[in-house]
Full PDB file with SEQRES, HELIX, SHEET, SSBOND, CRYST1, ORIGX, SCALE, CONECT and MASTER records, all heavy atoms in Angstrom:
SEQRES   1 A   41  PRO LEU ILE LYS GLU GLU THR ILE THR ASP ASN ILE ARG          
SEQRES   2 A   41  THR VAL ARG GLU LYS GLY SER CYS ILE THR CYS VAL PRO          
SEQRES   3 A   41  THR THR GLU THR PHE VAL VAL GLY LYS PRO ASP GLY LEU          
SEQRES   4 A   41  PHE GLU                                                      
HELIX    1 AA1 GLU A    5  LYS A   18  1                                  14    
CRYST1    1.000    1.000    1.000  90.00  90.00  90.00 P 1           1          
ORIGX1      1.000000  0.000000  0.000000        0.00000                         
ORIGX2      0.000000  1.000000  0.000000        0.00000                         
ORIGX3      0.000000  0.000000  1.000000        0.00000                         
SCALE1      1.000000  0.000000  0.000000        0.00000                         
SCALE2      0.000000  1.000000  0.000000        0.00000                         
SCALE3      0.000000  0.000000  1.000000        0.00000                         
ATOM      1  N   PRO A   1       3.214   7.593 -14.136  1.00  0.00           N  
ATOM      2  CA  PRO A   1       4.490   7.490 -14.924  1.00  0.00           C  
ATOM      3  C   PRO A   1       5.725   7.660 -14.030  1.00  0.00           C  
ATOM      4  O   PRO A   1       6.848   7.771 -14.618  1.00  0.00           O  
ATOM      5  CB  PRO A   1       4.341   8.621 -15.968  1.00  0.00           C  
ATOM      6  CG  PRO A   1       3.576   9.702 -15.171  1.00  0.00           C  
ATOM      7  CD  PRO A   1       2.700   8.949 -14.273  1.00  0.00           C  
ATOM      8  N   LEU A   2       5.610   7.672 -12.768  1.00  0.00           N  
ATOM      9  CA  LEU A   2       6.798   8.016 -11.902  1.00  0.00           C  
ATOM     10  C   LEU A   2       7.235   6.886 -11.065  1.00  0.00           C  
ATOM     11  O   LEU A   2       7.964   7.107 -10.081  1.00  0.00           O  
ATOM     12  CB  LEU A   2       6.463   9.228 -11.046  1.00  0.00           C  
ATOM     13  CG  LEU A   2       6.302  10.582 -11.763  1.00  0.00           C  
ATOM     14  CD1 LEU A   2       5.713  11.620 -10.863  1.00  0.00           C  
ATOM     15  CD2 LEU A   2       7.574  11.033 -12.463  1.00  0.00           C  
ATOM     16  N   ILE A   3       6.822   5.607 -11.364  1.00  0.00           N  
ATOM     17  CA  ILE A   3       7.394   4.475 -10.686  1.00  0.00           C  
ATOM     18  C   ILE A   3       8.901   4.220 -11.152  1.00  0.00           C  
ATOM     19  O   ILE A   3       9.339   4.861 -12.164  1.00  0.00           O  
ATOM     20  CB  ILE A   3       6.623   3.192 -10.779  1.00  0.00           C  
ATOM     21  CG1 ILE A   3       6.549   2.783 -12.265  1.00  0.00           C  
ATOM     22  CG2 ILE A   3       5.283   3.341 -10.159  1.00  0.00           C  
ATOM     23  CD1 ILE A   3       5.975   1.402 -12.420  1.00  0.00           C  
ATOM     24  N   LYS A   4       9.577   3.351 -10.467  1.00  0.00           N  
ATOM     25  CA  LYS A   4      10.979   3.102 -10.856  1.00  0.00           C  
ATOM     26  C   LYS A   4      11.188   1.654 -11.195  1.00  0.00           C  
ATOM     27  O   LYS A   4      10.325   0.782 -10.872  1.00  0.00           O  
ATOM     28  CB  LYS A   4      11.905   3.447  -9.632  1.00  0.00           C  
ATOM     29  CG  LYS A   4      11.857   4.943  -9.305  1.00  0.00           C  
ATOM     30  CD  LYS A   4      12.755   5.251  -8.086  1.00  0.00           C  
ATOM     31  CE  LYS A   4      12.707   6.748  -7.784  1.00  0.00           C  
ATOM     32  NZ  LYS A   4      13.607   7.042  -6.595  1.00  0.00           N  
ATOM     33  N   GLU A   5      12.296   1.397 -11.921  1.00  0.00           N  
ATOM     34  CA  GLU A   5      12.547   0.030 -12.314  1.00  0.00           C  
ATOM     35  C   GLU A   5      12.613  -0.869 -11.130  1.00  0.00           C  
ATOM     36  O   GLU A   5      12.053  -1.990 -11.241  1.00  0.00           O  
ATOM     37  CB  GLU A   5      13.850   0.007 -13.098  1.00  0.00           C  
ATOM     38  CG  GLU A   5      14.233  -1.397 -13.550  1.00  0.00           C  
ATOM     39  CD  GLU A   5      15.516  -1.467 -14.322  1.00  0.00           C  
ATOM     40  OE1 GLU A   5      15.648  -0.785 -15.328  1.00  0.00           O  
ATOM     41  OE2 GLU A   5      16.494  -2.261 -13.907  1.00  0.00           O  
ATOM     42  N   GLU A   6      13.190  -0.479  -9.964  1.00  0.00           N  
ATOM     43  CA  GLU A   6      13.201  -1.369  -8.915  1.00  0.00           C  
ATOM     44  C   GLU A   6      11.898  -1.678  -8.234  1.00  0.00           C  
ATOM     45  O   GLU A   6      11.716  -2.768  -7.715  1.00  0.00           O  
ATOM     46  CB  GLU A   6      14.157  -0.802  -7.827  1.00  0.00           C  
ATOM     47  CG  GLU A   6      13.893   0.569  -7.419  1.00  0.00           C  
ATOM     48  CD  GLU A   6      14.694   1.589  -8.067  1.00  0.00           C  
ATOM     49  OE1 GLU A   6      14.941   1.547  -9.275  1.00  0.00           O  
ATOM     50  OE2 GLU A   6      15.246   2.579  -7.395  1.00  0.00           O  
ATOM     51  N   THR A   7      10.882  -0.775  -8.406  1.00  0.00           N  
ATOM     52  CA  THR A   7       9.576  -1.103  -8.049  1.00  0.00           C  
ATOM     53  C   THR A   7       8.906  -2.213  -8.735  1.00  0.00           C  
ATOM     54  O   THR A   7       8.298  -3.119  -8.221  1.00  0.00           O  
ATOM     55  CB  THR A   7       8.645   0.186  -8.031  1.00  0.00           C  
ATOM     56  OG1 THR A   7       9.282   1.238  -7.339  1.00  0.00           O  
ATOM     57  CG2 THR A   7       7.291  -0.100  -7.472  1.00  0.00           C  
ATOM     58  N   ILE A   8       9.152  -2.243 -10.091  1.00  0.00           N  
ATOM     59  CA  ILE A   8       8.613  -3.333 -10.906  1.00  0.00           C  
ATOM     60  C   ILE A   8       9.307  -4.552 -10.487  1.00  0.00           C  
ATOM     61  O   ILE A   8       8.708  -5.672 -10.343  1.00  0.00           O  
ATOM     62  CB  ILE A   8       8.915  -3.013 -12.380  1.00  0.00           C  
ATOM     63  CG1 ILE A   8       8.073  -1.770 -12.807  1.00  0.00           C  
ATOM     64  CG2 ILE A   8       8.531  -4.164 -13.272  1.00  0.00           C  
ATOM     65  CD1 ILE A   8       8.319  -1.201 -14.163  1.00  0.00           C  
ATOM     66  N   THR A   9      10.681  -4.546 -10.404  1.00  0.00           N  
ATOM     67  CA  THR A   9      11.395  -5.736  -9.895  1.00  0.00           C  
ATOM     68  C   THR A   9      10.899  -6.216  -8.584  1.00  0.00           C  
ATOM     69  O   THR A   9      10.721  -7.492  -8.418  1.00  0.00           O  
ATOM     70  CB  THR A   9      12.927  -5.355  -9.817  1.00  0.00           C  
ATOM     71  OG1 THR A   9      13.364  -4.950 -11.133  1.00  0.00           O  
ATOM     72  CG2 THR A   9      13.729  -6.584  -9.427  1.00  0.00           C  
ATOM     73  N   ASP A  10      10.734  -5.400  -7.654  1.00  0.00           N  
ATOM     74  CA  ASP A  10      10.274  -5.774  -6.293  1.00  0.00           C  
ATOM     75  C   ASP A  10       8.893  -6.456  -6.376  1.00  0.00           C  
ATOM     76  O   ASP A  10       8.557  -7.461  -5.601  1.00  0.00           O  
ATOM     77  CB  ASP A  10      10.200  -4.599  -5.407  1.00  0.00           C  
ATOM     78  CG  ASP A  10      11.571  -4.158  -4.870  1.00  0.00           C  
ATOM     79  OD1 ASP A  10      12.557  -4.827  -5.187  1.00  0.00           O  
ATOM     80  OD2 ASP A  10      11.623  -3.009  -4.464  1.00  0.00           O  
ATOM     81  N   ASN A  11       8.025  -5.929  -7.252  1.00  0.00           N  
ATOM     82  CA  ASN A  11       6.699  -6.528  -7.406  1.00  0.00           C  
ATOM     83  C   ASN A  11       6.784  -7.960  -7.973  1.00  0.00           C  
ATOM     84  O   ASN A  11       6.098  -8.896  -7.473  1.00  0.00           O  
ATOM     85  CB  ASN A  11       5.785  -5.649  -8.262  1.00  0.00           C  
ATOM     86  CG  ASN A  11       5.053  -4.585  -7.522  1.00  0.00           C  
ATOM     87  OD1 ASN A  11       3.799  -4.700  -7.355  1.00  0.00           O  
ATOM     88  ND2 ASN A  11       5.721  -3.551  -7.195  1.00  0.00           N  
ATOM     89  N   ILE A  12       7.566  -8.141  -8.927  1.00  0.00           N  
ATOM     90  CA  ILE A  12       7.714  -9.470  -9.543  1.00  0.00           C  
ATOM     91  C   ILE A  12       8.294 -10.438  -8.514  1.00  0.00           C  
ATOM     92  O   ILE A  12       7.717 -11.562  -8.380  1.00  0.00           O  
ATOM     93  CB  ILE A  12       8.568  -9.415 -10.775  1.00  0.00           C  
ATOM     94  CG1 ILE A  12       7.914  -8.555 -11.968  1.00  0.00           C  
ATOM     95  CG2 ILE A  12       9.016 -10.771 -11.330  1.00  0.00           C  
ATOM     96  CD1 ILE A  12       8.881  -8.247 -13.063  1.00  0.00           C  
ATOM     97  N   ARG A  13       9.258 -10.087  -7.821  1.00  0.00           N  
ATOM     98  CA  ARG A  13       9.899 -10.927  -6.850  1.00  0.00           C  
ATOM     99  C   ARG A  13       9.000 -11.320  -5.737  1.00  0.00           C  
ATOM    100  O   ARG A  13       8.869 -12.468  -5.315  1.00  0.00           O  
ATOM    101  CB  ARG A  13      11.162 -10.355  -6.293  1.00  0.00           C  
ATOM    102  CG  ARG A  13      11.923 -11.205  -5.309  1.00  0.00           C  
ATOM    103  CD  ARG A  13      13.148 -10.579  -4.725  1.00  0.00           C  
ATOM    104  NE  ARG A  13      12.792  -9.494  -3.766  1.00  0.00           N  
ATOM    105  CZ  ARG A  13      12.968  -8.167  -4.027  1.00  0.00           C  
ATOM    106  NH1 ARG A  13      13.561  -7.862  -5.202  1.00  0.00           N  
ATOM    107  NH2 ARG A  13      12.563  -7.353  -3.139  1.00  0.00           N  
ATOM    108  N   THR A  14       8.259 -10.299  -5.220  1.00  0.00           N  
ATOM    109  CA  THR A  14       7.354 -10.573  -4.158  1.00  0.00           C  
ATOM    110  C   THR A  14       6.248 -11.488  -4.582  1.00  0.00           C  
ATOM    111  O   THR A  14       5.742 -12.447  -3.796  1.00  0.00           O  
ATOM    112  CB  THR A  14       6.736  -9.259  -3.628  1.00  0.00           C  
ATOM    113  OG1 THR A  14       7.832  -8.358  -3.160  1.00  0.00           O  
ATOM    114  CG2 THR A  14       5.853  -9.496  -2.393  1.00  0.00           C  
ATOM    115  N   VAL A  15       5.700 -11.321  -5.723  1.00  0.00           N  
ATOM    116  CA  VAL A  15       4.545 -12.239  -6.182  1.00  0.00           C  
ATOM    117  C   VAL A  15       5.087 -13.637  -6.327  1.00  0.00           C  
ATOM    118  O   VAL A  15       4.447 -14.663  -5.894  1.00  0.00           O  
ATOM    119  CB  VAL A  15       3.967 -11.849  -7.546  1.00  0.00           C  
ATOM    120  CG1 VAL A  15       3.001 -12.808  -8.119  1.00  0.00           C  
ATOM    121  CG2 VAL A  15       3.219 -10.442  -7.375  1.00  0.00           C  
ATOM    122  N   ARG A  16       6.318 -13.859  -6.815  1.00  0.00           N  
ATOM    123  CA  ARG A  16       6.877 -15.128  -6.995  1.00  0.00           C  
ATOM    124  C   ARG A  16       7.131 -15.802  -5.583  1.00  0.00           C  
ATOM    125  O   ARG A  16       6.959 -16.970  -5.474  1.00  0.00           O  
ATOM    126  CB  ARG A  16       8.227 -15.044  -7.728  1.00  0.00           C  
ATOM    127  CG  ARG A  16       8.117 -14.681  -9.239  1.00  0.00           C  
ATOM    128  CD  ARG A  16       7.551 -15.751 -10.051  1.00  0.00           C  
ATOM    129  NE  ARG A  16       7.327 -15.409 -11.447  1.00  0.00           N  
ATOM    130  CZ  ARG A  16       6.395 -15.961 -12.191  1.00  0.00           C  
ATOM    131  NH1 ARG A  16       5.626 -16.988 -11.792  1.00  0.00           N  
ATOM    132  NH2 ARG A  16       6.313 -15.577 -13.437  1.00  0.00           N  
ATOM    133  N   GLU A  17       7.387 -14.997  -4.640  1.00  0.00           N  
ATOM    134  CA  GLU A  17       7.700 -15.511  -3.319  1.00  0.00           C  
ATOM    135  C   GLU A  17       6.479 -15.718  -2.471  1.00  0.00           C  
ATOM    136  O   GLU A  17       6.349 -16.670  -1.702  1.00  0.00           O  
ATOM    137  CB  GLU A  17       8.667 -14.585  -2.591  1.00  0.00           C  
ATOM    138  CG  GLU A  17      10.073 -14.579  -3.228  1.00  0.00           C  
ATOM    139  CD  GLU A  17      11.015 -13.546  -2.496  1.00  0.00           C  
ATOM    140  OE1 GLU A  17      10.473 -12.841  -1.679  1.00  0.00           O  
ATOM    141  OE2 GLU A  17      12.182 -13.557  -2.845  1.00  0.00           O  
ATOM    142  N   LYS A  18       5.396 -14.776  -2.570  1.00  0.00           N  
ATOM    143  CA  LYS A  18       4.364 -14.747  -1.684  1.00  0.00           C  
ATOM    144  C   LYS A  18       2.958 -14.806  -2.306  1.00  0.00           C  
ATOM    145  O   LYS A  18       1.936 -14.872  -1.552  1.00  0.00           O  
ATOM    146  CB  LYS A  18       4.437 -13.463  -0.751  1.00  0.00           C  
ATOM    147  CG  LYS A  18       5.841 -13.498  -0.030  1.00  0.00           C  
ATOM    148  CD  LYS A  18       5.897 -12.268   0.820  1.00  0.00           C  
ATOM    149  CE  LYS A  18       7.254 -12.238   1.693  1.00  0.00           C  
ATOM    150  NZ  LYS A  18       7.326 -11.087   2.540  1.00  0.00           N  
ATOM    151  N   GLY A  19       2.780 -14.564  -3.568  1.00  0.00           N  
ATOM    152  CA  GLY A  19       1.672 -14.736  -4.283  1.00  0.00           C  
ATOM    153  C   GLY A  19       0.899 -13.459  -4.700  1.00  0.00           C  
ATOM    154  O   GLY A  19       0.312 -13.406  -5.771  1.00  0.00           O  
ATOM    155  N   SER A  20       0.880 -12.380  -3.893  1.00  0.00           N  
ATOM    156  CA  SER A  20       0.286 -11.162  -4.246  1.00  0.00           C  
ATOM    157  C   SER A  20       0.907 -10.049  -3.585  1.00  0.00           C  
ATOM    158  O   SER A  20       1.463 -10.212  -2.476  1.00  0.00           O  
ATOM    159  CB  SER A  20      -1.254 -11.149  -3.897  1.00  0.00           C  
ATOM    160  OG  SER A  20      -1.981 -12.192  -4.489  1.00  0.00           O  
ATOM    161  N   CYS A  21       0.883  -8.833  -4.094  1.00  0.00           N  
ATOM    162  CA  CYS A  21       1.473  -7.706  -3.484  1.00  0.00           C  
ATOM    163  C   CYS A  21       0.889  -6.354  -3.889  1.00  0.00           C  
ATOM    164  O   CYS A  21       0.330  -6.302  -4.975  1.00  0.00           O  
ATOM    165  CB  CYS A  21       2.930  -7.693  -3.514  1.00  0.00           C  
ATOM    166  SG  CYS A  21       3.638  -7.212  -5.132  1.00  0.00           S  
ATOM    167  N   ILE A  22       0.951  -5.370  -3.034  1.00  0.00           N  
ATOM    168  CA  ILE A  22       0.443  -4.029  -3.294  1.00  0.00           C  
ATOM    169  C   ILE A  22       1.632  -3.095  -3.183  1.00  0.00           C  
ATOM    170  O   ILE A  22       2.375  -3.134  -2.134  1.00  0.00           O  
ATOM    171  CB  ILE A  22      -0.638  -3.521  -2.317  1.00  0.00           C  
ATOM    172  CG1 ILE A  22      -1.616  -4.715  -2.008  1.00  0.00           C  
ATOM    173  CG2 ILE A  22      -1.371  -2.388  -2.878  1.00  0.00           C  
ATOM    174  CD1 ILE A  22      -2.414  -4.456  -0.762  1.00  0.00           C  
ATOM    175  N   THR A  23       1.859  -2.196  -4.128  1.00  0.00           N  
ATOM    176  CA  THR A  23       2.818  -1.132  -3.964  1.00  0.00           C  
ATOM    177  C   THR A  23       2.241  -0.063  -3.050  1.00  0.00           C  
ATOM    178  O   THR A  23       1.110   0.368  -3.265  1.00  0.00           O  
ATOM    179  CB  THR A  23       3.195  -0.627  -5.294  1.00  0.00           C  
ATOM    180  OG1 THR A  23       3.664  -1.605  -6.166  1.00  0.00           O  
ATOM    181  CG2 THR A  23       4.280   0.495  -5.114  1.00  0.00           C  
ATOM    182  N   CYS A  24       2.944   0.320  -1.988  1.00  0.00           N  
ATOM    183  CA  CYS A  24       2.475   1.236  -1.058  1.00  0.00           C  
ATOM    184  C   CYS A  24       3.498   2.329  -0.808  1.00  0.00           C  
ATOM    185  O   CYS A  24       4.668   2.230  -1.127  1.00  0.00           O  
ATOM    186  CB  CYS A  24       2.145   0.644   0.290  1.00  0.00           C  
ATOM    187  SG  CYS A  24       0.869  -0.673   0.172  1.00  0.00           S  
ATOM    188  N   VAL A  25       3.042   3.438  -0.180  1.00  0.00           N  
ATOM    189  CA  VAL A  25       3.963   4.377   0.429  1.00  0.00           C  
ATOM    190  C   VAL A  25       3.599   4.655   1.818  1.00  0.00           C  
ATOM    191  O   VAL A  25       2.340   4.552   2.241  1.00  0.00           O  
ATOM    192  CB  VAL A  25       4.039   5.759  -0.355  1.00  0.00           C  
ATOM    193  CG1 VAL A  25       4.488   5.492  -1.794  1.00  0.00           C  
ATOM    194  CG2 VAL A  25       2.625   6.400  -0.392  1.00  0.00           C  
ATOM    195  N   PRO A  26       4.548   4.957   2.675  1.00  0.00           N  
ATOM    196  CA  PRO A  26       4.140   5.297   4.089  1.00  0.00           C  
ATOM    197  C   PRO A  26       3.323   6.504   4.196  1.00  0.00           C  
ATOM    198  O   PRO A  26       3.374   7.466   3.370  1.00  0.00           O  
ATOM    199  CB  PRO A  26       5.499   5.511   4.827  1.00  0.00           C  
ATOM    200  CG  PRO A  26       6.470   4.875   3.887  1.00  0.00           C  
ATOM    201  CD  PRO A  26       5.941   5.033   2.490  1.00  0.00           C  
ATOM    202  N   THR A  27       2.345   6.569   5.114  1.00  0.00           N  
ATOM    203  CA  THR A  27       1.526   7.759   5.273  1.00  0.00           C  
ATOM    204  C   THR A  27       2.274   8.754   6.117  1.00  0.00           C  
ATOM    205  O   THR A  27       3.050   8.456   7.043  1.00  0.00           O  
ATOM    206  CB  THR A  27       0.244   7.491   5.981  1.00  0.00           C  
ATOM    207  OG1 THR A  27      -0.500   8.714   6.182  1.00  0.00           O  
ATOM    208  CG2 THR A  27       0.429   6.819   7.335  1.00  0.00           C  
ATOM    209  N   THR A  28       2.198  10.013   5.711  1.00  0.00           N  
ATOM    210  CA  THR A  28       2.804  11.089   6.460  1.00  0.00           C  
ATOM    211  C   THR A  28       1.908  11.985   7.231  1.00  0.00           C  
ATOM    212  O   THR A  28       2.168  12.948   7.901  1.00  0.00           O  
ATOM    213  CB  THR A  28       3.577  12.005   5.507  1.00  0.00           C  
ATOM    214  OG1 THR A  28       2.756  12.579   4.467  1.00  0.00           O  
ATOM    215  CG2 THR A  28       4.753  11.296   4.812  1.00  0.00           C  
ATOM    216  N   GLU A  29       0.604  11.606   7.170  1.00  0.00           N  
ATOM    217  CA  GLU A  29      -0.453  12.285   7.950  1.00  0.00           C  
ATOM    218  C   GLU A  29      -1.344  11.294   8.656  1.00  0.00           C  
ATOM    219  O   GLU A  29      -1.277  10.139   8.405  1.00  0.00           O  
ATOM    220  CB  GLU A  29      -1.255  13.185   6.926  1.00  0.00           C  
ATOM    221  CG  GLU A  29      -0.399  14.259   6.167  1.00  0.00           C  
ATOM    222  CD  GLU A  29      -1.287  15.228   5.448  1.00  0.00           C  
ATOM    223  OE1 GLU A  29      -2.440  15.469   5.811  1.00  0.00           O  
ATOM    224  OE2 GLU A  29      -0.782  15.762   4.413  1.00  0.00           O  
ATOM    225  N   THR A  30      -2.209  11.841   9.478  1.00  0.00           N  
ATOM    226  CA  THR A  30      -3.095  10.976  10.248  1.00  0.00           C  
ATOM    227  C   THR A  30      -4.372  10.661   9.567  1.00  0.00           C  
ATOM    228  O   THR A  30      -4.986  11.532   9.013  1.00  0.00           O  
ATOM    229  CB  THR A  30      -3.433  11.694  11.613  1.00  0.00           C  
ATOM    230  OG1 THR A  30      -2.180  11.930  12.313  1.00  0.00           O  
ATOM    231  CG2 THR A  30      -4.308  10.816  12.482  1.00  0.00           C  
ATOM    232  N   PHE A  31      -4.775   9.359   9.515  1.00  0.00           N  
ATOM    233  CA  PHE A  31      -6.082   8.917   8.977  1.00  0.00           C  
ATOM    234  C   PHE A  31      -7.092   9.041  10.069  1.00  0.00           C  
ATOM    235  O   PHE A  31      -6.938   8.683  11.253  1.00  0.00           O  
ATOM    236  CB  PHE A  31      -5.927   7.472   8.547  1.00  0.00           C  
ATOM    237  CG  PHE A  31      -5.229   7.353   7.152  1.00  0.00           C  
ATOM    238  CD1 PHE A  31      -4.012   6.819   7.197  1.00  0.00           C  
ATOM    239  CD2 PHE A  31      -5.866   7.740   6.030  1.00  0.00           C  
ATOM    240  CE1 PHE A  31      -3.322   6.593   5.926  1.00  0.00           C  
ATOM    241  CE2 PHE A  31      -5.201   7.542   4.815  1.00  0.00           C  
ATOM    242  CZ  PHE A  31      -3.921   6.973   4.787  1.00  0.00           C  
ATOM    243  N   VAL A  32      -8.290   9.528   9.640  1.00  0.00           N  
ATOM    244  CA  VAL A  32      -9.519   9.513  10.524  1.00  0.00           C  
ATOM    245  C   VAL A  32     -10.564   8.653   9.782  1.00  0.00           C  
ATOM    246  O   VAL A  32     -10.998   8.978   8.683  1.00  0.00           O  
ATOM    247  CB  VAL A  32      -9.997  10.884  10.757  1.00  0.00           C  
ATOM    248  CG1 VAL A  32     -11.299  10.841  11.597  1.00  0.00           C  
ATOM    249  CG2 VAL A  32      -8.968  11.783  11.461  1.00  0.00           C  
ATOM    250  N   VAL A  33     -10.960   7.564  10.347  1.00  0.00           N  
ATOM    251  CA  VAL A  33     -11.895   6.594   9.773  1.00  0.00           C  
ATOM    252  C   VAL A  33     -13.211   6.709  10.419  1.00  0.00           C  
ATOM    253  O   VAL A  33     -13.358   6.469  11.640  1.00  0.00           O  
ATOM    254  CB  VAL A  33     -11.330   5.133   9.896  1.00  0.00           C  
ATOM    255  CG1 VAL A  33     -12.194   4.130   9.202  1.00  0.00           C  
ATOM    256  CG2 VAL A  33      -9.887   5.062   9.266  1.00  0.00           C  
ATOM    257  N   GLY A  34     -14.232   7.107   9.555  1.00  0.00           N  
ATOM    258  CA  GLY A  34     -15.552   7.136  10.125  1.00  0.00           C  
ATOM    259  C   GLY A  34     -16.216   5.822  10.505  1.00  0.00           C  
ATOM    260  O   GLY A  34     -15.925   4.811   9.680  1.00  0.00           O  
ATOM    261  N   LYS A  35     -17.029   5.662  11.449  1.00  0.00           N  
ATOM    262  CA  LYS A  35     -17.679   4.431  11.868  1.00  0.00           C  
ATOM    263  C   LYS A  35     -19.136   4.584  11.811  1.00  0.00           C  
ATOM    264  O   LYS A  35     -19.685   5.757  11.824  1.00  0.00           O  
ATOM    265  CB  LYS A  35     -17.245   4.033  13.324  1.00  0.00           C  
ATOM    266  CG  LYS A  35     -15.709   3.802  13.435  1.00  0.00           C  
ATOM    267  CD  LYS A  35     -15.328   3.628  14.861  1.00  0.00           C  
ATOM    268  CE  LYS A  35     -15.808   2.283  15.310  1.00  0.00           C  
ATOM    269  NZ  LYS A  35     -15.334   1.946  16.696  1.00  0.00           N  
ATOM    270  N   PRO A  36     -19.945   3.510  11.671  1.00  0.00           N  
ATOM    271  CA  PRO A  36     -21.296   3.637  11.481  1.00  0.00           C  
ATOM    272  C   PRO A  36     -22.039   4.316  12.627  1.00  0.00           C  
ATOM    273  O   PRO A  36     -23.167   4.930  12.417  1.00  0.00           O  
ATOM    274  CB  PRO A  36     -21.795   2.117  11.408  1.00  0.00           C  
ATOM    275  CG  PRO A  36     -20.608   1.410  10.896  1.00  0.00           C  
ATOM    276  CD  PRO A  36     -19.460   2.136  11.482  1.00  0.00           C  
ATOM    277  N   ASP A  37     -21.513   4.325  13.822  1.00  0.00           N  
ATOM    278  CA  ASP A  37     -22.228   4.933  14.949  1.00  0.00           C  
ATOM    279  C   ASP A  37     -21.847   6.410  15.062  1.00  0.00           C  
ATOM    280  O   ASP A  37     -22.299   7.070  16.056  1.00  0.00           O  
ATOM    281  CB  ASP A  37     -21.756   4.262  16.327  1.00  0.00           C  
ATOM    282  CG  ASP A  37     -20.276   4.205  16.503  1.00  0.00           C  
ATOM    283  OD1 ASP A  37     -19.534   4.892  15.698  1.00  0.00           O  
ATOM    284  OD2 ASP A  37     -19.728   3.585  17.391  1.00  0.00           O  
ATOM    285  N   GLY A  38     -21.260   6.981  14.061  1.00  0.00           N  
ATOM    286  CA  GLY A  38     -20.971   8.340  14.008  1.00  0.00           C  
ATOM    287  C   GLY A  38     -19.666   8.759  14.665  1.00  0.00           C  
ATOM    288  O   GLY A  38     -19.257   9.966  14.647  1.00  0.00           O  
ATOM    289  N   LEU A  39     -19.020   7.874  15.335  1.00  0.00           N  
ATOM    290  CA  LEU A  39     -17.746   8.127  16.001  1.00  0.00           C  
ATOM    291  C   LEU A  39     -16.548   7.867  14.949  1.00  0.00           C  
ATOM    292  O   LEU A  39     -16.746   7.427  13.815  1.00  0.00           O  
ATOM    293  CB  LEU A  39     -17.512   7.189  17.198  1.00  0.00           C  
ATOM    294  CG  LEU A  39     -18.522   7.373  18.246  1.00  0.00           C  
ATOM    295  CD1 LEU A  39     -18.382   6.388  19.405  1.00  0.00           C  
ATOM    296  CD2 LEU A  39     -18.564   8.794  18.818  1.00  0.00           C  
ATOM    297  N   PHE A  40     -15.363   8.067  15.350  1.00  0.00           N  
ATOM    298  CA  PHE A  40     -14.253   7.915  14.442  1.00  0.00           C  
ATOM    299  C   PHE A  40     -13.111   7.019  15.076  1.00  0.00           C  
ATOM    300  O   PHE A  40     -13.022   7.001  16.352  1.00  0.00           O  
ATOM    301  CB  PHE A  40     -13.595   9.277  14.095  1.00  0.00           C  
ATOM    302  CG  PHE A  40     -14.608  10.181  13.348  1.00  0.00           C  
ATOM    303  CD1 PHE A  40     -15.413  11.076  14.100  1.00  0.00           C  
ATOM    304  CD2 PHE A  40     -14.641  10.146  11.999  1.00  0.00           C  
ATOM    305  CE1 PHE A  40     -16.316  11.910  13.362  1.00  0.00           C  
ATOM    306  CE2 PHE A  40     -15.524  10.949  11.310  1.00  0.00           C  
ATOM    307  CZ  PHE A  40     -16.272  11.854  12.000  1.00  0.00           C  
ATOM    308  N   GLU A  41     -12.447   6.368  14.227  1.00  0.00           N  
ATOM    309  CA  GLU A  41     -11.248   5.529  14.615  1.00  0.00           C  
ATOM    310  C   GLU A  41     -10.043   6.187  13.993  1.00  0.00           C  
ATOM    311  O   GLU A  41     -10.076   6.616  12.793  1.00  0.00           O  
ATOM    312  CB  GLU A  41     -11.396   4.169  14.136  1.00  0.00           C  
ATOM    313  CG  GLU A  41     -10.246   3.308  14.509  1.00  0.00           C  
ATOM    314  CD  GLU A  41     -10.358   1.883  13.999  1.00  0.00           C  
ATOM    315  OE1 GLU A  41     -11.466   1.529  13.511  1.00  0.00           O  
ATOM    316  OE2 GLU A  41      -9.450   1.117  14.093  1.00  0.00           O  
TER     317      GLU A  41                                                      
MASTER        0    0    0    1    0    0    0    6  316    1    0    4          
END                                                                             
């Protein structure tokens, strides 16, 4: 319930211009991605 009107507007405009979009936020922490060989990326 905490999105904003401009987020809705931006989604509509982006789909009209480009076809599909995802609302995102920048990450503020580091991601560690596990790999099948047991190592990490």
